[in-house]
Amino acid sequence: MRGLCDEGKVKEAISLRDDMESLRVMPDEVTYNTLIDGCFQWRGNVEEFKLVEEIKGKRVKPNAVTHNIMVKWYCK
């Protein structure tokens, strides 16, 4: 997932996350942090906010890394 995000293939990374869920492998905060960071880097500000809201709905708690990623990109 990190490799896809690093190459700007965020759609594919999100699709991989969807595939994980269909296989009943639930994404954790590391997965979401990777996606949020990739979205900020390549897409803009809409998709990452959807992911942050999705985390809350999936009962995955945003952690310090999640908040640091958001602060980092707000500062840039």
C-alpha atoms as a PDB file:
ATOM      1  CA  MET A   1       0.000   0.000   0.000  1.00  0.00           C
ATOM      2  CA  ARG A   2       2.823   2.394   0.850  1.00  0.00           C
ATOM      3  CA  GLY A   3       4.450   1.661  -2.506  1.00  0.00           C
ATOM      4  CA  LEU A   4       1.260   2.503  -4.381  1.00  0.00           C
ATOM      5  CA  CYS A   5       0.835   5.754  -2.461  1.00  0.00           C
ATOM      6  CA  ASP A   6       4.485   6.702  -2.988  1.00  0.00           C
ATOM      7  CA  GLU A   7       4.038   6.282  -6.747  1.00  0.00           C
ATOM      8  CA  GLY A   8       0.883   8.413  -6.767  1.00  0.00           C
ATOM      9  CA  LYS A   9      -1.416   5.446  -7.342  1.00  0.00           C
ATOM     10  CA  VAL A  10      -3.802   6.409  -4.560  1.00  0.00           C
ATOM     11  CA  LYS A  11      -6.883   5.044  -6.340  1.00  0.00           C
ATOM     12  CA  GLU A  12      -5.222   1.645  -6.535  1.00  0.00           C
ATOM     13  CA  ALA A  13      -4.261   1.833  -2.857  1.00  0.00           C
ATOM     14  CA  ILE A  14      -7.858   2.632  -1.908  1.00  0.00           C
ATOM     15  CA  SER A  15      -8.996  -0.241  -4.100  1.00  0.00           C
ATOM     16  CA  LEU A  16      -6.549  -2.513  -2.266  1.00  0.00           C
ATOM     17  CA  ARG A  17      -8.084  -1.394   1.029  1.00  0.00           C
ATOM     18  CA  ASP A  18     -11.520  -2.305  -0.365  1.00  0.00           C
ATOM     19  CA  ASP A  19     -10.183  -5.716  -1.412  1.00  0.00           C
ATOM     20  CA  MET A  20      -8.831  -6.242   2.100  1.00  0.00           C
ATOM     21  CA  GLU A  21     -12.276  -5.584   3.554  1.00  0.00           C
ATOM     22  CA  SER A  22     -13.943  -7.956   1.099  1.00  0.00           C
ATOM     23  CA  LEU A  23     -11.510 -10.658   2.294  1.00  0.00           C
ATOM     24  CA  ARG A  24     -12.431  -9.789   5.896  1.00  0.00           C
ATOM     25  CA  VAL A  25      -8.966  -8.413   6.624  1.00  0.00           C
ATOM     26  CA  MET A  26      -9.872  -5.230   8.441  1.00  0.00           C
ATOM     27  CA  PRO A  27      -7.606  -2.249   7.795  1.00  0.00           C
ATOM     28  CA  ASP A  28      -6.021  -0.775  10.915  1.00  0.00           C
ATOM     29  CA  GLU A  29      -4.752   2.700  11.783  1.00  0.00           C
ATOM     30  CA  VAL A  30      -1.474   2.044   9.936  1.00  0.00           C
ATOM     31  CA  THR A  31      -3.399   1.308   6.730  1.00  0.00           C
ATOM     32  CA  TYR A  32      -5.498   4.437   7.104  1.00  0.00           C
ATOM     33  CA  ASN A  33      -2.495   6.595   8.022  1.00  0.00           C
ATOM     34  CA  THR A  34      -0.762   5.446   4.841  1.00  0.00           C
ATOM     35  CA  LEU A  35      -3.830   6.258   2.744  1.00  0.00           C
ATOM     36  CA  ILE A  36      -4.387   9.647   4.380  1.00  0.00           C
ATOM     37  CA  ASP A  37      -0.746  10.617   3.843  1.00  0.00           C
ATOM     38  CA  GLY A  38      -0.902   9.473   0.211  1.00  0.00           C
ATOM     39  CA  CYS A  39      -4.106  11.409  -0.408  1.00  0.00           C
ATOM     40  CA  PHE A  40      -2.641  14.600   1.002  1.00  0.00           C
ATOM     41  CA  GLN A  41       0.462  14.152  -1.131  1.00  0.00           C
ATOM     42  CA  TRP A  42      -1.258  13.392  -4.442  1.00  0.00           C
ATOM     43  CA  ARG A  43      -4.935  14.276  -4.449  1.00  0.00           C
ATOM     44  CA  GLY A  44      -5.925  17.340  -2.449  1.00  0.00           C
ATOM     45  CA  ASN A  45      -8.030  17.805   0.632  1.00  0.00           C
ATOM     46  CA  VAL A  46     -11.314  16.010  -0.094  1.00  0.00           C
ATOM     47  CA  GLU A  47     -10.478  12.311  -0.042  1.00  0.00           C
ATOM     48  CA  GLU A  48      -8.373  12.366   3.111  1.00  0.00           C
ATOM     49  CA  PHE A  49     -11.187  13.939   5.119  1.00  0.00           C
ATOM     50  CA  LYS A  50     -13.493  11.169   3.921  1.00  0.00           C
ATOM     51  CA  LEU A  51     -10.918   8.654   5.162  1.00  0.00           C
ATOM     52  CA  VAL A  52     -10.704  10.349   8.564  1.00  0.00           C
ATOM     53  CA  GLU A  53     -14.495  10.146   8.886  1.00  0.00           C
ATOM     54  CA  GLU A  54     -14.413   6.537   7.682  1.00  0.00           C
ATOM     55  CA  ILE A  55     -11.929   5.661  10.434  1.00  0.00           C
ATOM     56  CA  LYS A  56     -14.445   6.781  13.027  1.00  0.00           C
ATOM     57  CA  GLY A  57     -17.183   4.694  11.418  1.00  0.00           C
ATOM     58  CA  LYS A  58     -14.964   1.600  11.329  1.00  0.00           C
ATOM     59  CA  ARG A  59     -14.059   1.930  15.009  1.00  0.00           C
ATOM     60  CA  VAL A  60     -10.410   2.525  14.214  1.00  0.00           C
ATOM     61  CA  LYS A  61      -9.037   5.236  16.464  1.00  0.00           C
ATOM     62  CA  PRO A  62      -6.959   7.981  14.898  1.00  0.00           C
ATOM     63  CA  ASN A  63      -3.646   8.005  16.739  1.00  0.00           C
ATOM     64  CA  ALA A  64      -0.824  10.520  17.170  1.00  0.00           C
ATOM     65  CA  VAL A  65       0.579   9.559  13.763  1.00  0.00           C
ATOM     66  CA  THR A  66      -2.780  10.335  12.131  1.00  0.00           C
ATOM     67  CA  HIS A  67      -2.828  13.777  13.696  1.00  0.00           C
ATOM     68  CA  ASN A  68       0.839  14.407  12.858  1.00  0.00           C
ATOM     69  CA  ILE A  69       0.182  13.581   9.200  1.00  0.00           C
ATOM     70  CA  MET A  70      -2.669  16.066   9.087  1.00  0.00           C
ATOM     71  CA  VAL A  71      -0.676  18.811  10.833  1.00  0.00           C
ATOM     72  CA  LYS A  72       2.289  18.184   8.506  1.00  0.00           C
ATOM     73  CA  TRP A  73       0.180  18.712   5.406  1.00  0.00           C
ATOM     74  CA  TYR A  74      -1.699  21.694   6.811  1.00  0.00           C
ATOM     75  CA  CYS A  75       1.633  23.369   7.491  1.00  0.00           C
ATOM     76  CA  LYS A  76       2.843  22.743   3.932  1.00  0.00           C
END
